[in-house]
Amino acid sequence: MIKSKKFEKRQREVVDKLILAVAIIEPFFTLPQAYAIFKTQNASGVSILTWMGFNIMTAIWVWYAVNRKDKVVLIYQGLFLIFNTIVIIGALMYGGQWL
């Protein structure tokens, strides 16, 4: 079965819009962890090393996105960088573990 160029273009547009929405929404799933830390003022079960690892890898993705001028990846990873940093700050303030 041969797909028309118009169908392929429309499909690409739908995928592009969907992935942009995911890039904006997904990082917000990090916020409940940050909220729990700051609300309870307890980060005893949070691994600082793990979240720092996430942030290092995220920073590399941000660098990649800037280098490639990829706005979707920049939004996605930029939000993660911000939200992960909030978790790290809370973990450092409220007794997160290094391992």
PDB file of N, CA and C in Angstrom:
ATOM      1  N   MET A   1       0.840  -1.187   0.000  1.00  0.00           N
ATOM      2  CA  MET A   1       0.000   0.000   0.000  1.00  0.00           C
ATOM      3  C   MET A   1       0.880   1.244   0.000  1.00  0.00           C
ATOM      4  N   ILE A   2       0.601   2.143  -0.880  1.00  0.00           N
ATOM      5  CA  ILE A   2       1.378   3.370  -1.027  1.00  0.00           C
ATOM      6  C   ILE A   2       0.641   4.497  -0.313  1.00  0.00           C
ATOM      7  N   LYS A   3       1.366   5.178   0.568  1.00  0.00           N
ATOM      8  CA  LYS A   3       0.774   6.315   1.280  1.00  0.00           C
ATOM      9  C   LYS A   3       0.996   7.579   0.466  1.00  0.00           C
ATOM     10  N   SER A   4       0.029   8.455   0.491  1.00  0.00           N
ATOM     11  CA  SER A   4       0.164   9.708  -0.239  1.00  0.00           C
ATOM     12  C   SER A   4       1.081  10.654   0.529  1.00  0.00           C
ATOM     13  N   LYS A   5       1.659  11.561  -0.200  1.00  0.00           N
ATOM     14  CA  LYS A   5       2.533  12.579   0.410  1.00  0.00           C
ATOM     15  C   LYS A   5       1.743  13.433   1.394  1.00  0.00           C
ATOM     16  N   LYS A   6       0.496  13.711   1.067  1.00  0.00           N
ATOM     17  CA  LYS A   6      -0.355  14.526   1.934  1.00  0.00           C
ATOM     18  C   LYS A   6      -0.603  13.799   3.260  1.00  0.00           C
ATOM     19  N   PHE A   7      -0.874  12.494   3.198  1.00  0.00           N
ATOM     20  CA  PHE A   7      -1.083  11.698   4.407  1.00  0.00           C
ATOM     21  C   PHE A   7       0.184  11.672   5.258  1.00  0.00           C
ATOM     22  N   GLU A   8       1.322  11.463   4.624  1.00  0.00           N
ATOM     23  CA  GLU A   8       2.594  11.429   5.354  1.00  0.00           C
ATOM     24  C   GLU A   8       2.889  12.772   6.013  1.00  0.00           C
ATOM     25  N   LYS A   9       2.604  13.850   5.316  1.00  0.00           N
ATOM     26  CA  LYS A   9       2.829  15.180   5.881  1.00  0.00           C
ATOM     27  C   LYS A   9       1.915  15.407   7.085  1.00  0.00           C
ATOM     28  N   ARG A  10       0.656  15.032   6.946  1.00  0.00           N
ATOM     29  CA  ARG A  10      -0.305  15.202   8.054  1.00  0.00           C
ATOM     30  C   ARG A  10       0.109  14.357   9.248  1.00  0.00           C
ATOM     31  N   GLN A  11       0.543  13.128   8.984  1.00  0.00           N
ATOM     32  CA  GLN A  11       0.992  12.234  10.055  1.00  0.00           C
ATOM     33  C   GLN A  11       2.201  12.830  10.781  1.00  0.00           C
ATOM     34  N   ARG A  12       3.137  13.392  10.031  1.00  0.00           N
ATOM     35  CA  ARG A  12       4.324  14.020  10.618  1.00  0.00           C
ATOM     36  C   ARG A  12       3.930  15.216  11.483  1.00  0.00           C
ATOM     37  N   GLU A  13       2.957  16.004  11.034  1.00  0.00           N
ATOM     38  CA  GLU A  13       2.484  17.159  11.803  1.00  0.00           C
ATOM     39  C   GLU A  13       1.854  16.717  13.119  1.00  0.00           C
ATOM     40  N   VAL A  14       1.068  15.648  13.087  1.00  0.00           N
ATOM     41  CA  VAL A  14       0.433  15.127  14.307  1.00  0.00           C
ATOM     42  C   VAL A  14       1.497  14.641  15.282  1.00  0.00           C
ATOM     43  N   VAL A  15       2.470  13.903  14.782  1.00  0.00           N
ATOM     44  CA  VAL A  15       3.547  13.394  15.631  1.00  0.00           C
ATOM     45  C   VAL A  15       4.347  14.556  16.224  1.00  0.00           C
ATOM     46  N   ASP A  16       4.635  15.571  15.419  1.00  0.00           N
ATOM     47  CA  ASP A  16       5.379  16.740  15.910  1.00  0.00           C
ATOM     48  C   ASP A  16       4.626  17.449  17.024  1.00  0.00           C
ATOM     49  N   LYS A  17       3.315  17.621  16.869  1.00  0.00           N
ATOM     50  CA  LYS A  17       2.517  18.278  17.907  1.00  0.00           C
ATOM     51  C   LYS A  17       2.445  17.423  19.167  1.00  0.00           C
ATOM     52  N   LEU A  18       2.297  16.123  18.988  1.00  0.00           N
ATOM     53  CA  LEU A  18       2.231  15.218  20.126  1.00  0.00           C
ATOM     54  C   LEU A  18       3.544  15.222  20.906  1.00  0.00           C
ATOM     55  N   ILE A  19       4.666  15.153  20.211  1.00  0.00           N
ATOM     56  CA  ILE A  19       5.951  15.093  20.899  1.00  0.00           C
ATOM     57  C   ILE A  19       6.256  16.421  21.597  1.00  0.00           C
ATOM     58  N   LEU A  20       5.819  17.529  21.042  1.00  0.00           N
ATOM     59  CA  LEU A  20       5.985  18.818  21.716  1.00  0.00           C
ATOM     60  C   LEU A  20       5.180  18.837  23.008  1.00  0.00           C
ATOM     61  N   ALA A  21       3.953  18.334  22.960  1.00  0.00           N
ATOM     62  CA  ALA A  21       3.132  18.260  24.176  1.00  0.00           C
ATOM     63  C   ALA A  21       3.790  17.374  25.220  1.00  0.00           C
ATOM     64  N   VAL A  22       4.311  16.238  24.802  1.00  0.00           N
ATOM     65  CA  VAL A  22       4.998  15.332  25.725  1.00  0.00           C
ATOM     66  C   VAL A  22       6.244  16.010  26.304  1.00  0.00           C
ATOM     67  N   ALA A  23       6.973  16.733  25.476  1.00  0.00           N
ATOM     68  CA  ALA A  23       8.188  17.422  25.931  1.00  0.00           C
ATOM     69  C   ALA A  23       7.880  18.451  27.012  1.00  0.00           C
ATOM     70  N   ILE A  24       6.712  19.040  26.952  1.00  0.00           N
ATOM     71  CA  ILE A  24       6.320  20.032  27.956  1.00  0.00           C
ATOM     72  C   ILE A  24       5.727  19.356  29.194  1.00  0.00           C
ATOM     73  N   ILE A  25       4.906  18.339  29.002  1.00  0.00           N
ATOM     74  CA  ILE A  25       4.180  17.709  30.114  1.00  0.00           C
ATOM     75  C   ILE A  25       5.049  16.759  30.937  1.00  0.00           C
ATOM     76  N   GLU A  26       5.832  15.905  30.291  1.00  0.00           N
ATOM     77  CA  GLU A  26       6.566  14.852  31.015  1.00  0.00           C
ATOM     78  C   GLU A  26       7.463  15.358  32.138  1.00  0.00           C
ATOM     79  N   PRO A  27       8.248  16.407  31.944  1.00  0.00           N
ATOM     80  CA  PRO A  27       9.098  16.861  33.052  1.00  0.00           C
ATOM     81  C   PRO A  27       8.318  17.242  34.316  1.00  0.00           C
ATOM     82  N   PHE A  28       7.060  17.628  34.154  1.00  0.00           N
ATOM     83  CA  PHE A  28       6.255  18.004  35.318  1.00  0.00           C
ATOM     84  C   PHE A  28       5.991  16.819  36.248  1.00  0.00           C
ATOM     85  N   PHE A  29       6.196  15.596  35.774  1.00  0.00           N
ATOM     86  CA  PHE A  29       6.037  14.430  36.634  1.00  0.00           C
ATOM     87  C   PHE A  29       7.168  14.330  37.668  1.00  0.00           C
ATOM     88  N   THR A  30       8.174  15.165  37.552  1.00  0.00           N
ATOM     89  CA  THR A  30       9.244  15.251  38.551  1.00  0.00           C
ATOM     90  C   THR A  30       8.791  16.072  39.759  1.00  0.00           C
ATOM     91  N   LEU A  31       7.865  16.964  39.552  1.00  0.00           N
ATOM     92  CA  LEU A  31       7.457  17.895  40.615  1.00  0.00           C
ATOM     93  C   LEU A  31       6.854  17.233  41.853  1.00  0.00           C
ATOM     94  N   PRO A  32       6.113  16.130  41.754  1.00  0.00           N
ATOM     95  CA  PRO A  32       5.625  15.511  42.989  1.00  0.00           C
ATOM     96  C   PRO A  32       6.751  15.094  43.938  1.00  0.00           C
ATOM     97  N   GLN A  33       7.894  14.673  43.387  1.00  0.00           N
ATOM     98  CA  GLN A  33       9.039  14.328  44.232  1.00  0.00           C
ATOM     99  C   GLN A  33       9.543  15.576  44.957  1.00  0.00           C
ATOM    100  N   ALA A  34       9.681  16.668  44.224  1.00  0.00           N
ATOM    101  CA  ALA A  34      10.126  17.923  44.839  1.00  0.00           C
ATOM    102  C   ALA A  34       9.114  18.403  45.876  1.00  0.00           C
ATOM    103  N   TYR A  35       7.845  18.332  45.540  1.00  0.00           N
ATOM    104  CA  TYR A  35       6.798  18.754  46.465  1.00  0.00           C
ATOM    105  C   TYR A  35       6.856  17.949  47.760  1.00  0.00           C
ATOM    106  N   ALA A  36       7.008  16.630  47.641  1.00  0.00           N
ATOM    107  CA  ALA A  36       7.067  15.768  48.824  1.00  0.00           C
ATOM    108  C   ALA A  36       8.257  16.125  49.709  1.00  0.00           C
ATOM    109  N   ILE A  37       9.381  16.408  49.098  1.00  0.00           N
ATOM    110  CA  ILE A  37      10.580  16.763  49.864  1.00  0.00           C
ATOM    111  C   ILE A  37      10.349  18.064  50.638  1.00  0.00           C
ATOM    112  N   PHE A  38       9.869  19.075  49.954  1.00  0.00           N
ATOM    113  CA  PHE A  38       9.719  20.381  50.600  1.00  0.00           C
ATOM    114  C   PHE A  38       8.535  20.415  51.574  1.00  0.00           C
ATOM    115  N   LYS A  39       7.483  19.677  51.279  1.00  0.00           N
ATOM    116  CA  LYS A  39       6.329  19.653  52.181  1.00  0.00           C
ATOM    117  C   LYS A  39       6.668  18.959  53.496  1.00  0.00           C
ATOM    118  N   THR A  40       7.339  17.804  53.401  1.00  0.00           N
ATOM    119  CA  THR A  40       7.673  17.037  54.612  1.00  0.00           C
ATOM    120  C   THR A  40       8.999  17.473  55.220  1.00  0.00           C
ATOM    121  N   GLN A  41       9.766  18.233  54.478  1.00  0.00           N
ATOM    122  CA  GLN A  41      11.122  18.614  54.878  1.00  0.00           C
ATOM    123  C   GLN A  41      11.933  17.366  55.237  1.00  0.00           C
ATOM    124  N   ASN A  42      11.762  16.335  54.394  1.00  0.00           N
ATOM    125  CA  ASN A  42      12.439  15.061  54.602  1.00  0.00           C
ATOM    126  C   ASN A  42      12.793  14.472  53.238  1.00  0.00           C
ATOM    127  N   ALA A  43      14.073  14.259  53.037  1.00  0.00           N
ATOM    128  CA  ALA A  43      14.540  13.650  51.788  1.00  0.00           C
ATOM    129  C   ALA A  43      15.366  12.407  52.090  1.00  0.00           C
ATOM    130  N   SER A  44      15.084  11.775  53.203  1.00  0.00           N
ATOM    131  CA  SER A  44      15.908  10.645  53.635  1.00  0.00           C
ATOM    132  C   SER A  44      15.927   9.488  52.640  1.00  0.00           C
ATOM    133  N   GLY A  45      14.895   9.327  51.841  1.00  0.00           N
ATOM    134  CA  GLY A  45      14.877   8.239  50.864  1.00  0.00           C
ATOM    135  C   GLY A  45      15.317   8.659  49.472  1.00  0.00           C
ATOM    136  N   VAL A  46      15.845   9.857  49.332  1.00  0.00           N
ATOM    137  CA  VAL A  46      16.221  10.389  48.022  1.00  0.00           C
ATOM    138  C   VAL A  46      17.738  10.262  47.839  1.00  0.00           C
ATOM    139  N   SER A  47      18.133   9.680  46.721  1.00  0.00           N
ATOM    140  CA  SER A  47      19.550   9.534  46.407  1.00  0.00           C
ATOM    141  C   SER A  47      20.046  10.765  45.666  1.00  0.00           C
ATOM    142  N   ILE A  48      20.878  11.543  46.317  1.00  0.00           N
ATOM    143  CA  ILE A  48      21.443  12.749  45.702  1.00  0.00           C
ATOM    144  C   ILE A  48      22.276  12.369  44.488  1.00  0.00           C
ATOM    145  N   LEU A  49      23.054  11.303  44.600  1.00  0.00           N
ATOM    146  CA  LEU A  49      23.914  10.859  43.499  1.00  0.00           C
ATOM    147  C   LEU A  49      23.078  10.516  42.255  1.00  0.00           C
ATOM    148  N   THR A  50      21.958   9.848  42.456  1.00  0.00           N
ATOM    149  CA  THR A  50      21.087   9.498  41.325  1.00  0.00           C
ATOM    150  C   THR A  50      20.572  10.751  40.638  1.00  0.00           C
ATOM    151  N   TRP A  51      20.055  11.689  41.409  1.00  0.00           N
ATOM    152  CA  TRP A  51      19.500  12.908  40.812  1.00  0.00           C
ATOM    153  C   TRP A  51      20.585  13.768  40.176  1.00  0.00           C
ATOM    154  N   MET A  52      21.784  13.765  40.751  1.00  0.00           N
ATOM    155  CA  MET A  52      22.896  14.496  40.132  1.00  0.00           C
ATOM    156  C   MET A  52      23.282  13.832  38.814  1.00  0.00           C
ATOM    157  N   GLY A  53      23.254  12.501  38.790  1.00  0.00           N
ATOM    158  CA  GLY A  53      23.517  11.786  37.543  1.00  0.00           C
ATOM    159  C   GLY A  53      22.507  12.147  36.469  1.00  0.00           C
ATOM    160  N   PHE A  54      21.218  12.171  36.868  1.00  0.00           N
ATOM    161  CA  PHE A  54      20.182  12.598  35.925  1.00  0.00           C
ATOM    162  C   PHE A  54      20.497  13.994  35.391  1.00  0.00           C
ATOM    163  N   ASN A  55      20.906  14.891  36.281  1.00  0.00           N
ATOM    164  CA  ASN A  55      21.147  16.274  35.873  1.00  0.00           C
ATOM    165  C   ASN A  55      22.367  16.415  34.969  1.00  0.00           C
ATOM    166  N   ILE A  56      23.397  15.651  35.221  1.00  0.00           N
ATOM    167  CA  ILE A  56      24.579  15.694  34.345  1.00  0.00           C
ATOM    168  C   ILE A  56      24.188  15.247  32.938  1.00  0.00           C
ATOM    169  N   MET A  57      23.458  14.137  32.849  1.00  0.00           N
ATOM    170  CA  MET A  57      23.023  13.649  31.535  1.00  0.00           C
ATOM    171  C   MET A  57      22.070  14.644  30.875  1.00  0.00           C
ATOM    172  N   THR A  58      21.214  15.259  31.668  1.00  0.00           N
ATOM    173  CA  THR A  58      20.277  16.256  31.146  1.00  0.00           C
ATOM    174  C   THR A  58      21.026  17.473  30.610  1.00  0.00           C
ATOM    175  N   ALA A  59      22.061  17.898  31.317  1.00  0.00           N
ATOM    176  CA  ALA A  59      22.866  19.036  30.852  1.00  0.00           C
ATOM    177  C   ALA A  59      23.513  18.727  29.501  1.00  0.00           C
ATOM    178  N   ILE A  60      23.946  17.492  29.321  1.00  0.00           N
ATOM    179  CA  ILE A  60      24.527  17.098  28.028  1.00  0.00           C
ATOM    180  C   ILE A  60      23.462  17.168  26.935  1.00  0.00           C
ATOM    181  N   TRP A  61      22.232  16.734  27.249  1.00  0.00           N
ATOM    182  CA  TRP A  61      21.135  16.837  26.280  1.00  0.00           C
ATOM    183  C   TRP A  61      20.844  18.302  25.943  1.00  0.00           C
ATOM    184  N   VAL A  62      20.875  19.176  26.946  1.00  0.00           N
ATOM    185  CA  VAL A  62      20.645  20.606  26.701  1.00  0.00           C
ATOM    186  C   VAL A  62      21.719  21.148  25.769  1.00  0.00           C
ATOM    187  N   TRP A  63      22.961  20.782  26.031  1.00  0.00           N
ATOM    188  CA  TRP A  63      24.081  21.206  25.183  1.00  0.00           C
ATOM    189  C   TRP A  63      23.858  20.717  23.746  1.00  0.00           C
ATOM    190  N   TYR A  64      23.464  19.466  23.607  1.00  0.00           N
ATOM    191  CA  TYR A  64      23.168  18.890  22.289  1.00  0.00           C
ATOM    192  C   TYR A  64      22.066  19.692  21.594  1.00  0.00           C
ATOM    193  N   ALA A  65      20.979  19.978  22.328  1.00  0.00           N
ATOM    194  CA  ALA A  65      19.843  20.693  21.742  1.00  0.00           C
ATOM    195  C   ALA A  65      20.240  22.089  21.278  1.00  0.00           C
ATOM    196  N   VAL A  66      21.054  22.764  22.074  1.00  0.00           N
ATOM    197  CA  VAL A  66      21.521  24.097  21.691  1.00  0.00           C
ATOM    198  C   VAL A  66      22.403  23.991  20.448  1.00  0.00           C
ATOM    199  N   ASN A  67      23.306  23.014  20.454  1.00  0.00           N
ATOM    200  CA  ASN A  67      24.217  22.808  19.329  1.00  0.00           C
ATOM    201  C   ASN A  67      23.464  22.489  18.045  1.00  0.00           C
ATOM    202  N   ARG A  68      22.411  21.682  18.137  1.00  0.00           N
ATOM    203  CA  ARG A  68      21.639  21.256  16.959  1.00  0.00           C
ATOM    204  C   ARG A  68      20.447  22.161  16.680  1.00  0.00           C
ATOM    205  N   LYS A  69      20.255  23.156  17.541  1.00  0.00           N
ATOM    206  CA  LYS A  69      19.116  24.072  17.407  1.00  0.00           C
ATOM    207  C   LYS A  69      17.796  23.305  17.386  1.00  0.00           C
ATOM    208  N   ASP A  70      17.674  22.346  18.293  1.00  0.00           N
ATOM    209  CA  ASP A  70      16.483  21.503  18.398  1.00  0.00           C
ATOM    210  C   ASP A  70      15.624  22.025  19.545  1.00  0.00           C
ATOM    211  N   LYS A  71      14.593  22.773  19.209  1.00  0.00           N
ATOM    212  CA  LYS A  71      13.760  23.434  20.217  1.00  0.00           C
ATOM    213  C   LYS A  71      13.007  22.438  21.096  1.00  0.00           C
ATOM    214  N   VAL A  72      12.529  21.348  20.517  1.00  0.00           N
ATOM    215  CA  VAL A  72      11.762  20.378  21.299  1.00  0.00           C
ATOM    216  C   VAL A  72      12.649  19.736  22.372  1.00  0.00           C
ATOM    217  N   VAL A  73      13.827  19.291  21.984  1.00  0.00           N
ATOM    218  CA  VAL A  73      14.739  18.682  22.958  1.00  0.00           C
ATOM    219  C   VAL A  73      15.168  19.716  23.984  1.00  0.00           C
ATOM    220  N   LEU A  74      15.376  20.948  23.578  1.00  0.00           N
ATOM    221  CA  LEU A  74      15.768  22.006  24.515  1.00  0.00           C
ATOM    222  C   LEU A  74      14.668  22.256  25.546  1.00  0.00           C
ATOM    223  N   ILE A  75      13.429  22.341  25.111  1.00  0.00           N
ATOM    224  CA  ILE A  75      12.318  22.524  26.045  1.00  0.00           C
ATOM    225  C   ILE A  75      12.239  21.344  27.005  1.00  0.00           C
ATOM    226  N   TYR A  76      12.258  20.147  26.439  1.00  0.00           N
ATOM    227  CA  TYR A  76      12.133  18.904  27.208  1.00  0.00           C
ATOM    228  C   TYR A  76      13.230  18.785  28.263  1.00  0.00           C
ATOM    229  N   GLN A  77      14.447  18.868  27.836  1.00  0.00           N
ATOM    230  CA  GLN A  77      15.559  18.685  28.753  1.00  0.00           C
ATOM    231  C   GLN A  77      15.795  19.912  29.623  1.00  0.00           C
ATOM    232  N   GLY A  78      15.475  21.101  29.108  1.00  0.00           N
ATOM    233  CA  GLY A  78      15.599  22.312  29.921  1.00  0.00           C
ATOM    234  C   GLY A  78      14.672  22.276  31.124  1.00  0.00           C
ATOM    235  N   LEU A  79      13.436  21.828  30.914  1.00  0.00           N
ATOM    236  CA  LEU A  79      12.504  21.687  32.039  1.00  0.00           C
ATOM    237  C   LEU A  79      13.001  20.636  33.032  1.00  0.00           C
ATOM    238  N   PHE A  80      13.492  19.515  32.515  1.00  0.00           N
ATOM    239  CA  PHE A  80      14.041  18.493  33.408  1.00  0.00           C
ATOM    240  C   PHE A  80      15.217  19.042  34.216  1.00  0.00           C
ATOM    241  N   LEU A  81      16.072  19.819  33.585  1.00  0.00           N
ATOM    242  CA  LEU A  81      17.219  20.393  34.285  1.00  0.00           C
ATOM    243  C   LEU A  81      16.756  21.258  35.458  1.00  0.00           C
ATOM    244  N   ILE A  82      15.755  22.069  35.227  1.00  0.00           N
ATOM    245  CA  ILE A  82      15.213  22.934  36.284  1.00  0.00           C
ATOM    246  C   ILE A  82      14.590  22.103  37.403  1.00  0.00           C
ATOM    247  N   PHE A  83      13.717  21.163  37.038  1.00  0.00           N
ATOM    248  CA  PHE A  83      12.986  20.393  38.046  1.00  0.00           C
ATOM    249  C   PHE A  83      13.907  19.429  38.799  1.00  0.00           C
ATOM    250  N   ASN A  84      14.861  18.821  38.099  1.00  0.00           N
ATOM    251  CA  ASN A  84      15.821  17.950  38.783  1.00  0.00           C
ATOM    252  C   ASN A  84      16.658  18.748  39.778  1.00  0.00           C
ATOM    253  N   THR A  85      17.024  19.958  39.399  1.00  0.00           N
ATOM    254  CA  THR A  85      17.806  20.815  40.297  1.00  0.00           C
ATOM    255  C   THR A  85      17.012  21.134  41.562  1.00  0.00           C
ATOM    256  N   ILE A  86      15.720  21.343  41.423  1.00  0.00           N
ATOM    257  CA  ILE A  86      14.876  21.593  42.595  1.00  0.00           C
ATOM    258  C   ILE A  86      14.895  20.380  43.531  1.00  0.00           C
ATOM    259  N   VAL A  87      14.811  19.180  42.970  1.00  0.00           N
ATOM    260  CA  VAL A  87      14.877  17.960  43.785  1.00  0.00           C
ATOM    261  C   VAL A  87      16.234  17.865  44.482  1.00  0.00           C
ATOM    262  N   ILE A  88      17.304  18.147  43.765  1.00  0.00           N
ATOM    263  CA  ILE A  88      18.653  18.082  44.348  1.00  0.00           C
ATOM    264  C   ILE A  88      18.790  19.082  45.496  1.00  0.00           C
ATOM    265  N   ILE A  89      18.312  20.293  45.296  1.00  0.00           N
ATOM    266  CA  ILE A  89      18.380  21.308  46.355  1.00  0.00           C
ATOM    267  C   ILE A  89      17.619  20.823  47.593  1.00  0.00           C
ATOM    268  N   GLY A  90      16.415  20.306  47.370  1.00  0.00           N
ATOM    269  CA  GLY A  90      15.631  19.784  48.494  1.00  0.00           C
ATOM    270  C   GLY A  90      16.336  18.629  49.189  1.00  0.00           C
ATOM    271  N   ALA A  91      16.931  17.735  48.411  1.00  0.00           N
ATOM    272  CA  ALA A  91      17.652  16.607  48.999  1.00  0.00           C
ATOM    273  C   ALA A  91      18.845  17.073  49.823  1.00  0.00           C
ATOM    274  N   LEU A  92      19.546  18.063  49.328  1.00  0.00           N
ATOM    275  CA  LEU A  92      20.689  18.611  50.080  1.00  0.00           C
ATOM    276  C   LEU A  92      20.237  19.318  51.356  1.00  0.00           C
ATOM    277  N   MET A  93      19.108  20.005  51.283  1.00  0.00           N
ATOM    278  CA  MET A  93      18.600  20.735  52.437  1.00  0.00           C
ATOM    279  C   MET A  93      18.011  19.820  53.503  1.00  0.00           C
ATOM    280  N   TYR A  94      17.370  18.726  53.080  1.00  0.00           N
ATOM    281  CA  TYR A  94      16.567  17.925  53.996  1.00  0.00           C
ATOM    282  C   TYR A  94      17.009  16.476  54.138  1.00  0.00           C
ATOM    283  N   GLY A  95      18.310  16.246  54.076  1.00  0.00           N
ATOM    284  CA  GLY A  95      18.839  14.942  54.454  1.00  0.00           C
ATOM    285  C   GLY A  95      18.811  13.836  53.431  1.00  0.00           C
ATOM    286  N   GLY A  96      18.910  14.185  52.147  1.00  0.00           N
ATOM    287  CA  GLY A  96      19.021  13.155  51.137  1.00  0.00           C
ATOM    288  C   GLY A  96      20.303  12.352  51.329  1.00  0.00           C
ATOM    289  N   GLN A  97      20.289  11.134  50.836  1.00  0.00           N
ATOM    290  CA  GLN A  97      21.445  10.241  50.966  1.00  0.00           C
ATOM    291  C   GLN A  97      22.300  10.329  49.706  1.00  0.00           C
ATOM    292  N   TRP A  98      23.603  10.149  49.851  1.00  0.00           N
ATOM    293  CA  TRP A  98      24.479  10.226  48.689  1.00  0.00           C
ATOM    294  C   TRP A  98      24.428   8.958  47.839  1.00  0.00           C
ATOM    295  N   LEU A  99      23.971   7.879  48.388  1.00  0.00           N
ATOM    296  CA  LEU A  99      23.875   6.645  47.590  1.00  0.00           C
ATOM    297  C   LEU A  99      22.458   6.190  47.439  1.00  0.00           C
TER     298      LEU A  99
END
